[in-house]
Protein backbone atom coordinates (compact mmCIF):
# COMPACT_ATOMS: atom_id res chain seq x y z
CA MET A 1 -19.44 83.06 96.70
CA PRO A 2 -21.48 80.24 98.55
CA ALA A 3 -23.75 81.31 101.52
CA SER A 4 -22.00 81.95 104.78
CA GLU A 5 -23.70 81.33 108.13
CA ALA A 6 -24.29 85.51 108.61
CA ASP A 7 -25.98 85.29 105.42
CA ILE A 8 -28.46 82.52 106.38
CA THR A 9 -29.15 84.14 109.17
CA HIS A 10 -29.90 87.05 107.31
CA PHE A 11 -32.50 85.32 105.35
CA VAL A 12 -34.40 84.29 108.37
CA ALA A 13 -34.41 87.61 109.62
CA ASP A 14 -35.86 88.95 107.02
CA ALA A 15 -38.76 86.06 106.27
CA GLY A 16 -39.81 86.85 109.74
CA LYS A 17 -40.87 89.98 109.05
CA ASP A 18 -44.06 88.62 107.26
CA ASP A 19 -44.49 85.75 109.41
CA SER A 20 -45.78 86.16 113.31
CA GLN A 21 -44.23 82.80 114.05
CA ALA A 22 -40.84 83.39 112.79
CA ALA A 23 -40.75 86.98 114.64
CA SER A 24 -40.55 85.06 117.45
CA SER A 25 -37.32 83.24 116.49
CA ILE A 26 -35.73 86.42 115.09
CA PRO A 27 -34.80 87.74 118.82
CA ILE A 28 -33.17 84.37 119.72
CA ALA A 29 -30.64 84.99 116.55
CA ALA A 30 -29.71 88.30 117.43
CA ASP A 31 -29.37 88.44 121.17
CA ALA A 32 -27.05 85.31 120.37
CA GLY A 33 -24.24 87.84 118.81
CA ARG A 34 -24.27 90.82 121.56
CA VAL A 35 -22.40 90.52 125.02
CA SER A 36 -24.86 90.78 128.11
CA ASP A 37 -23.74 93.42 130.61
CA LYS A 38 -25.43 91.64 133.19
CA PRO A 39 -23.17 89.77 135.93
CA PRO A 40 -22.95 86.13 135.37
CA PRO A 41 -25.49 84.13 137.08
CA VAL A 42 -24.52 82.38 140.42
CA PRO A 43 -23.99 78.57 139.58
CA GLY A 44 -26.81 76.86 141.15
CA PRO A 45 -28.69 73.50 140.13
CA THR A 46 -28.00 72.41 136.66
CA VAL A 47 -30.93 72.61 134.48
CA ALA A 48 -31.83 71.29 131.18
CA PRO A 49 -32.57 73.64 128.99
CA LYS A 50 -35.33 73.84 126.95
CA GLU A 51 -35.24 72.99 123.36
CA ASP A 52 -36.18 76.44 121.09
CA ARG A 53 -37.46 75.18 117.42
CA VAL A 54 -37.39 77.71 114.31
CA THR A 55 -40.28 76.87 112.19
CA LEU A 56 -40.13 78.47 108.40
CA GLY A 57 -43.20 78.44 105.95
CA TRP A 58 -43.14 78.06 102.05
CA ARG A 59 -42.44 81.67 101.55
CA ASP A 60 -39.29 81.21 103.30
CA HIS A 61 -37.68 78.54 101.68
CA ARG A 62 -38.79 80.00 98.37
CA ARG A 63 -36.75 83.48 99.48
CA ILE A 64 -34.05 81.17 101.06
CA VAL A 65 -33.70 79.35 97.72
CA GLU A 66 -34.08 82.24 95.69
CA ASP A 67 -31.21 84.10 97.91
CA LEU A 68 -29.09 80.99 97.05
CA SER A 69 -29.56 80.93 93.84
CA ASP A 70 -28.63 84.33 93.22
CA SER A 71 -25.56 84.02 95.52
CA LEU A 72 -24.37 80.94 92.94
CA SER A 73 -25.08 82.99 89.92
CA LYS A 74 -22.51 85.50 91.18
CA ASN A 75 -20.09 82.57 91.82
CA TRP A 76 -18.17 82.33 89.02
CA ARG A 77 -15.51 79.86 90.47
CA PHE A 78 -18.78 77.01 90.72
CA LYS A 79 -19.75 78.15 87.14
CA TRP A 80 -16.39 76.71 85.80
CA GLN A 81 -16.66 73.51 87.38
CA VAL A 82 -19.86 73.10 86.47
CA CYS A 83 -19.22 73.73 82.80
CA GLY A 84 -15.99 71.61 83.00
CA ILE A 85 -17.82 68.60 84.17
CA VAL A 86 -21.01 69.06 81.35
CA ILE A 87 -17.95 69.40 78.86
CA ALA A 88 -15.75 66.28 80.18
CA LEU A 89 -19.25 64.45 80.21
CA CYS A 90 -20.09 65.66 76.90
CA ALA A 91 -16.22 64.46 75.41
CA THR A 92 -17.01 61.25 76.69
CA LEU A 93 -20.24 60.62 75.58
CA LEU A 94 -19.20 61.77 71.86
CA GLY A 95 -15.58 59.33 72.22
CA LEU A 96 -17.99 56.43 72.92
CA VAL A 97 -20.12 57.17 69.80
CA THR A 98 -17.24 57.97 67.60
CA LEU A 99 -15.44 54.33 68.85
CA VAL A 100 -18.62 52.15 68.06
CA VAL A 101 -19.21 53.79 64.81
CA GLY A 102 -15.62 54.15 63.59
CA GLY A 103 -14.81 50.96 64.29
CA ARG A 104 -17.65 49.86 62.43
CA ILE A 105 -16.79 52.11 59.56
CA ILE A 106 -13.15 51.07 59.60
CA ASP A 107 -13.92 46.91 59.98
CA ALA A 108 -15.86 47.47 56.85
CA GLY A 109 -12.99 49.53 54.89
CA ILE A 110 -10.77 46.63 56.21
CA ALA A 111 -13.14 44.02 54.64
CA VAL A 112 -13.72 45.80 51.05
CA VAL A 113 -9.88 46.11 50.60
CA ASP A 114 -8.83 43.01 52.05
CA THR A 115 -11.50 41.49 48.92
CA ARG A 116 -9.77 43.58 46.56
CA LEU A 117 -6.34 42.92 47.46
CA THR A 118 -7.27 39.32 47.38
CA ALA A 119 -8.39 39.78 43.65
CA ARG A 120 -5.25 41.46 42.81
CA THR A 121 -2.84 39.14 44.17
CA THR A 122 -4.88 36.21 42.31
CA GLU A 123 -4.45 38.12 39.39
CA LEU A 124 -0.78 38.76 39.80
CA THR A 125 0.08 35.30 40.49
CA GLY A 126 -1.37 34.04 37.34
CA THR A 127 0.37 36.52 35.21
CA VAL A 128 3.58 35.80 37.08
CA GLN A 129 3.47 32.03 36.69
CA THR A 130 2.50 32.20 32.87
CA ARG A 131 5.48 34.45 32.50
CA LEU A 132 7.71 32.50 34.30
CA GLN A 133 6.56 29.51 32.41
CA ALA A 134 7.05 31.01 29.31
CA VAL A 135 10.83 32.30 30.36
CA ASP A 136 11.35 28.39 31.43
CA ASP A 137 10.27 27.18 27.94
CA GLN A 138 12.75 29.73 26.16
CA LEU A 139 15.83 28.75 28.67
CA ASN A 140 15.58 25.45 27.62
CA SER A 141 15.13 26.23 23.87
CA VAL A 142 18.07 27.96 24.41
CA ARG A 143 19.86 25.28 26.69
CA ARG A 144 19.34 22.24 24.40
CA ARG A 145 20.65 24.61 21.02
CA VAL A 146 24.04 25.42 23.17
CA GLU A 147 24.52 21.72 23.90
CA ALA A 148 24.00 20.43 19.87
CA GLN A 149 26.36 23.64 18.98
CA ILE A 150 28.89 22.38 21.95
CA ALA A 151 28.44 18.53 20.76
CA LYS A 152 28.82 19.48 17.32
CA GLN A 153 32.10 21.78 18.19
CA PHE A 154 33.58 18.44 20.35
CA GLU A 155 33.06 16.34 16.98
CA GLU A 156 35.83 18.77 15.38
CA PRO A 157 39.43 17.04 15.51
CA GLN A 158 41.03 20.36 16.43
CA ILE A 159 38.65 20.60 19.38
CA GLN A 160 39.12 17.38 20.57
CA ARG A 161 43.09 17.58 20.63
CA THR A 162 42.17 20.85 22.76
CA VAL A 163 40.45 18.87 25.32
CA GLN A 164 42.80 16.07 25.51
CA ASN A 165 45.20 18.42 26.09
CA VAL A 166 43.13 20.39 28.43
CA ALA A 167 42.34 17.32 30.13
CA GLU A 168 46.12 15.95 30.69
CA SER A 169 47.09 19.35 31.58
CA ALA A 170 44.49 19.46 34.39
CA ALA A 171 44.90 15.82 35.42
CA GLY A 172 48.78 16.62 36.11
CA LYS A 173 47.73 19.22 37.81
CA VAL A 174 45.29 17.50 39.83
CA ILE A 175 47.83 14.95 40.65
CA THR A 176 50.80 17.28 41.58
CA GLU A 177 47.97 19.26 43.86
CA HIS A 178 46.15 16.72 45.34
CA VAL A 179 46.71 12.91 44.75
CA GLN A 180 50.81 13.23 45.22
CA PRO A 181 49.96 15.08 48.58
CA ALA A 182 47.80 12.45 49.30
CA GLU A 183 50.11 9.63 48.63
CA ASN A 184 52.70 11.52 50.49
CA MET A 185 50.65 11.67 53.29
CA VAL A 186 49.34 7.83 53.20
CA SER A 187 53.00 7.00 52.97
CA GLU A 188 54.01 8.62 55.75
CA ARG A 189 51.17 7.46 57.79
CA LEU A 190 52.15 3.98 56.49
CA ARG A 191 55.79 4.35 58.06
CA ASP A 192 54.10 5.52 61.36
CA PHE A 193 52.20 2.61 61.46
CA GLU A 194 55.19 0.23 61.06
CA LYS A 195 57.20 1.63 63.20
CA PHE A 196 54.17 1.86 65.71
CA LEU A 197 53.90 -2.18 64.86
CA ASP A 198 57.38 -2.86 65.58
CA GLU A 199 57.88 -1.07 68.46
CA ARG A 200 54.35 -2.66 69.68
CA LYS A 201 56.21 -6.31 68.25
CA ALA A 202 59.24 -5.64 70.76
CA GLN A 203 57.05 -4.99 73.27
CA TYR A 204 55.08 -8.13 72.73
CA ASP A 205 58.61 -10.29 72.25
CA THR A 206 59.85 -8.50 75.89
CA ASP A 207 56.51 -9.54 77.66
CA GLN A 208 56.24 -12.68 76.10
CA ALA A 209 59.51 -13.62 77.13
CA ALA A 210 58.71 -12.06 80.69
CA PHE A 211 55.49 -14.10 80.42
CA ARG A 212 57.20 -17.22 79.40
CA ALA A 213 59.42 -16.90 82.35
CA GLU A 214 57.06 -16.09 84.64
CA ILE A 215 55.55 -19.71 83.39
CA GLU A 216 58.57 -21.39 83.64
CA THR A 217 59.06 -19.89 87.26
CA LEU A 218 55.10 -21.13 88.25
CA LYS A 219 55.82 -24.08 86.68
CA LYS A 220 58.81 -25.11 88.71
CA ARG A 221 57.48 -23.92 91.85
CA ASN A 222 54.24 -26.24 91.12
CA GLU A 223 56.53 -29.15 90.54
CA LEU A 224 58.27 -28.23 94.17
CA THR A 225 54.73 -27.83 95.97
CA ARG A 226 54.10 -31.28 94.40
CA LEU A 227 57.24 -32.93 95.32
CA ALA A 228 56.74 -31.44 99.06
CA ASP A 229 53.41 -32.73 98.74
CA ARG A 230 54.19 -36.41 97.98
CA ALA A 231 56.95 -36.27 100.47
CA VAL A 232 54.52 -35.07 103.48
CA GLY A 233 51.48 -37.24 102.40
CA ASP A 234 53.18 -40.32 101.33
CA GLY A 235 56.40 -40.37 103.18
CA GLU A 236 58.48 -40.67 99.59
CA LEU A 237 62.16 -40.16 99.96
CA THR A 238 62.61 -39.77 96.50
CA GLU A 239 60.86 -37.06 96.39
CA TYR A 240 62.28 -35.59 99.16
CA GLN A 241 66.05 -35.66 97.62
CA GLN A 242 64.87 -34.36 94.19
CA LEU A 243 63.97 -31.25 96.44
CA LEU A 244 67.39 -31.79 97.68
CA ARG A 245 68.73 -31.55 93.98
CA ILE A 246 66.64 -28.28 92.95
CA ALA A 247 67.62 -26.74 96.17
CA ARG A 248 71.27 -27.19 95.61
CA ASP A 249 71.53 -27.23 91.76
CA GLU A 250 68.84 -24.54 91.17
CA SER A 251 70.38 -20.92 89.28
CA ASP A 252 67.37 -18.91 89.54
CA PRO A 253 67.03 -17.58 93.14
CA GLU A 254 63.22 -17.34 93.41
CA VAL A 255 62.92 -21.16 92.45
CA LYS A 256 66.07 -22.07 94.86
CA ALA A 257 64.01 -20.29 97.69
CA ALA A 258 61.17 -21.88 97.08
CA ALA A 259 62.82 -25.41 97.09
CA LEU A 260 64.53 -24.58 100.32
CA ALA A 261 60.84 -23.46 101.53
CA GLU A 262 59.18 -26.66 100.38
CA GLU A 263 62.37 -28.64 102.08
CA PHE A 264 61.79 -27.08 105.31
CA ARG A 265 57.67 -28.26 105.10
CA VAL A 266 59.17 -31.85 104.68
CA VAL A 267 61.98 -31.48 107.18
CA SER A 268 59.38 -30.03 109.74
CA ALA A 269 57.16 -33.10 109.22
CA TYR A 270 59.75 -36.10 109.40
CA GLY A 271 62.16 -34.11 111.70
CA ALA A 272 63.63 -36.06 115.26
CA LEU A 273 61.82 -33.62 116.98
CA SER A 274 58.36 -33.71 115.12
CA ALA A 275 55.38 -35.81 116.22
CA SER A 276 54.86 -39.54 115.09
CA ARG A 277 52.66 -42.29 115.19
CA VAL A 278 54.97 -45.00 115.78
CA SER A 279 54.36 -44.59 119.92
CA ALA A 280 50.84 -45.90 119.43
CA ILE A 281 51.06 -48.46 117.18
CA THR A 282 52.41 -52.21 118.91
CA LEU A 283 53.88 -54.81 116.32
CA ASP A 284 52.10 -58.46 116.24
CA ALA A 285 54.84 -60.47 118.23
CA SER A 286 53.31 -63.99 117.06
CA VAL A 287 53.41 -63.27 113.70
CA ILE A 288 57.26 -62.02 113.64
CA SER A 289 58.26 -64.41 116.13
CA PRO A 290 55.82 -67.76 116.31
CA GLY A 291 55.66 -68.10 120.58
CA LYS A 292 55.93 -64.91 121.37
CA MET A 293 52.41 -63.03 122.50
CA ASN A 294 53.95 -59.41 123.30
CA GLU A 295 56.65 -57.36 121.31
CA SER A 296 58.38 -56.93 124.29
CA GLU A 297 59.21 -60.57 124.10
CA LEU A 298 61.08 -59.43 120.59
CA THR A 299 64.73 -59.81 120.15
CA LEU A 300 67.37 -57.73 118.06
CA ASP A 301 67.33 -60.54 115.44
CA ASP A 302 63.71 -60.53 115.50
CA LEU A 303 63.55 -56.91 115.02
CA GLY A 304 66.36 -56.75 112.22
CA ARG A 305 64.44 -59.25 110.33
CA VAL A 306 61.45 -56.80 110.27
CA LEU A 307 63.46 -54.47 108.90
CA THR A 308 64.98 -56.62 106.18
CA THR A 309 61.58 -58.49 105.44
CA PRO A 310 60.59 -57.06 102.08
CA ASN A 311 56.72 -55.87 101.86
CA VAL A 312 56.46 -55.30 105.89
CA LYS A 313 54.33 -51.83 105.97
CA PRO A 314 57.13 -48.81 106.69
CA MET A 315 54.87 -48.31 110.33
CA ALA A 316 55.89 -51.66 111.50
CA ARG A 317 59.64 -51.08 110.28
CA ALA A 318 59.61 -47.58 111.93
CA ARG A 319 58.20 -49.26 115.16
CA ALA A 320 60.88 -52.07 114.94
CA ALA A 321 63.36 -49.54 114.85
CA PHE A 322 61.79 -47.89 117.62
CA LEU A 323 62.09 -51.04 119.90
CA MET A 324 65.78 -51.06 118.96
CA ARG A 325 66.58 -48.23 121.11
CA ASP A 326 66.26 -50.04 124.09
CA LYS A 327 67.88 -53.08 123.03
CA SER A 328 72.01 -54.26 123.55
CA PRO A 329 73.79 -53.06 120.43
CA THR A 330 75.88 -55.70 118.46
CA PHE A 331 77.30 -55.88 115.20
CA SER A 332 74.62 -58.03 113.49
CA ILE A 333 72.07 -55.30 114.33
CA ALA A 334 74.41 -52.65 113.20
CA GLU A 335 74.37 -54.57 109.59
CA SER A 336 70.77 -55.10 109.22
CA LEU A 337 70.36 -51.50 110.23
CA LYS A 338 72.69 -50.56 107.58
CA LYS A 339 70.93 -52.83 105.06
CA ALA A 340 67.62 -51.11 106.20
CA LEU A 341 69.02 -47.64 105.42
CA GLU A 342 70.31 -48.90 101.90
CA THR A 343 66.51 -49.98 100.82
CA GLU A 344 64.28 -47.80 102.69
CA THR A 345 62.27 -45.32 100.81
CA HIS A 346 59.81 -44.12 103.34
CA LEU A 347 60.61 -41.24 105.73
CA GLU A 348 58.92 -41.94 108.52
CA ALA A 349 60.35 -45.34 108.91
CA LEU A 350 63.70 -43.93 107.94
CA ARG A 351 63.23 -41.57 110.67
CA PHE A 352 63.64 -44.29 113.41
CA GLU A 353 65.99 -46.51 111.74
CA LYS A 354 68.40 -43.43 111.29
CA VAL A 355 67.76 -42.95 115.21
CA ALA A 356 68.30 -46.51 116.02
CA PHE A 357 71.74 -46.57 113.79
CA ALA A 358 73.38 -43.73 115.88
CA HIS A 359 71.90 -45.54 118.91
CA VAL A 360 74.01 -48.73 117.91
CA CYS A 361 76.72 -47.73 115.96
CA GLY A 362 77.67 -44.07 117.93
CA PHE A 363 77.11 -42.06 114.56
CA LYS A 364 76.28 -38.36 115.42
CA SER A 365 74.85 -36.33 112.20
CA GLU A 366 76.36 -33.16 111.02
CA LYS A 367 74.18 -32.23 108.52
CA GLY A 368 70.77 -33.37 109.87
CA ALA A 369 69.52 -34.50 106.23
CA LEU A 370 66.10 -36.64 106.35
CA ASP A 371 67.86 -39.47 104.03
CA ALA A 372 70.90 -41.34 104.98
CA SER A 373 73.59 -40.52 102.91
CA GLU A 374 75.45 -39.15 106.24
CA GLU A 375 75.02 -42.56 107.68
CA LEU A 376 76.04 -44.65 104.21
CA LYS A 377 78.80 -42.42 103.56
CA TRP A 378 80.31 -43.09 107.58
CA TRP A 379 79.70 -46.76 107.50
CA PRO A 380 82.80 -47.73 105.18
CA GLU A 381 85.07 -45.60 107.02
CA ASN A 382 84.01 -47.27 110.64
CA VAL A 383 82.75 -50.73 109.69
CA ASP A 384 86.16 -52.18 110.78
CA HIS A 385 86.22 -50.42 114.29
CA LEU A 386 82.71 -51.49 114.93
CA ARG A 387 83.39 -54.81 114.16
CA LYS A 388 85.91 -55.03 116.93
CA GLU A 389 84.00 -53.09 119.56
CA LEU A 390 80.46 -54.42 119.11
CA PRO A 391 79.68 -57.76 120.12
CA ARG A 392 78.25 -60.54 117.36
């Protein structure tokens, strides 16, 4: 077992028997283990204790080392630990040596085996290639002989008939099993495709008819718009009358509605309540009646000549009819207005001529049309009455 503190103290005490310097230190160690019978000293001022040193000679060191060695030699646990450490170190060194030496030996052995295997593989490869070439040559020879024998056999009439019968039978079987189903499939697909084409043609015909109807309707609507534009922009009476005929006779409800809409647009432009430029213009009285300078000096006869004279501008005719409203009515003026209504082709002039005719003749419109159809129809029925009522 390891040396205890008591053993070390014993070694120190024994060593002091031979040395006088060590003897003075032994009582110190011995007194340290006894209990004093004296009462404890009275506490007083604290005094730092003096440091006591033990000095050992070389004999004491030797005695201590020998005693330690003897104690350790009797400690088996320590011996086993030392033996284990030594064995582990030896095994480690042996493993390292074996790894280094054995690795080199293995590498050398592998290199030798690889060289031998390479040589043997090359040798076996050459042998196999030689034998395979010989086998190929034999197979080619046998194949040529068999092909020659087969060709010779096929030259015989019996073999040819047999082959022909087999070919016909095989062809019939191929036709029955492959060609006929394919033909049926193709026929069915053709029928389906024809049916698809018929359906598409019927749909196309329907769409084409609808498309043509749309085109015709669009043409008619464009024509209606053109007629209304001419009637509004140029004051053309014939365009307005054509609109009236279309609105009256058209069977297509869409076209009829479009014609009524365009007619309303023309009426909005030339109706009795619509704005006009006639009130802003002035007639040249000296041209109509020499010697007169102001249009207020013009008589009903002068204004009637303006209405019936050819090549007079529409706005001048409209202004003359506008001025007739302030004149006293006569039968001659009524006749002049009736003639003007028969020949008038401009909607602006016709508008004021109708107003003057109603003022002179006492006519009242029932339909409110822009043309003079109502006035011209009313005139034959009431001309005799007007002749009697109005002054000449």
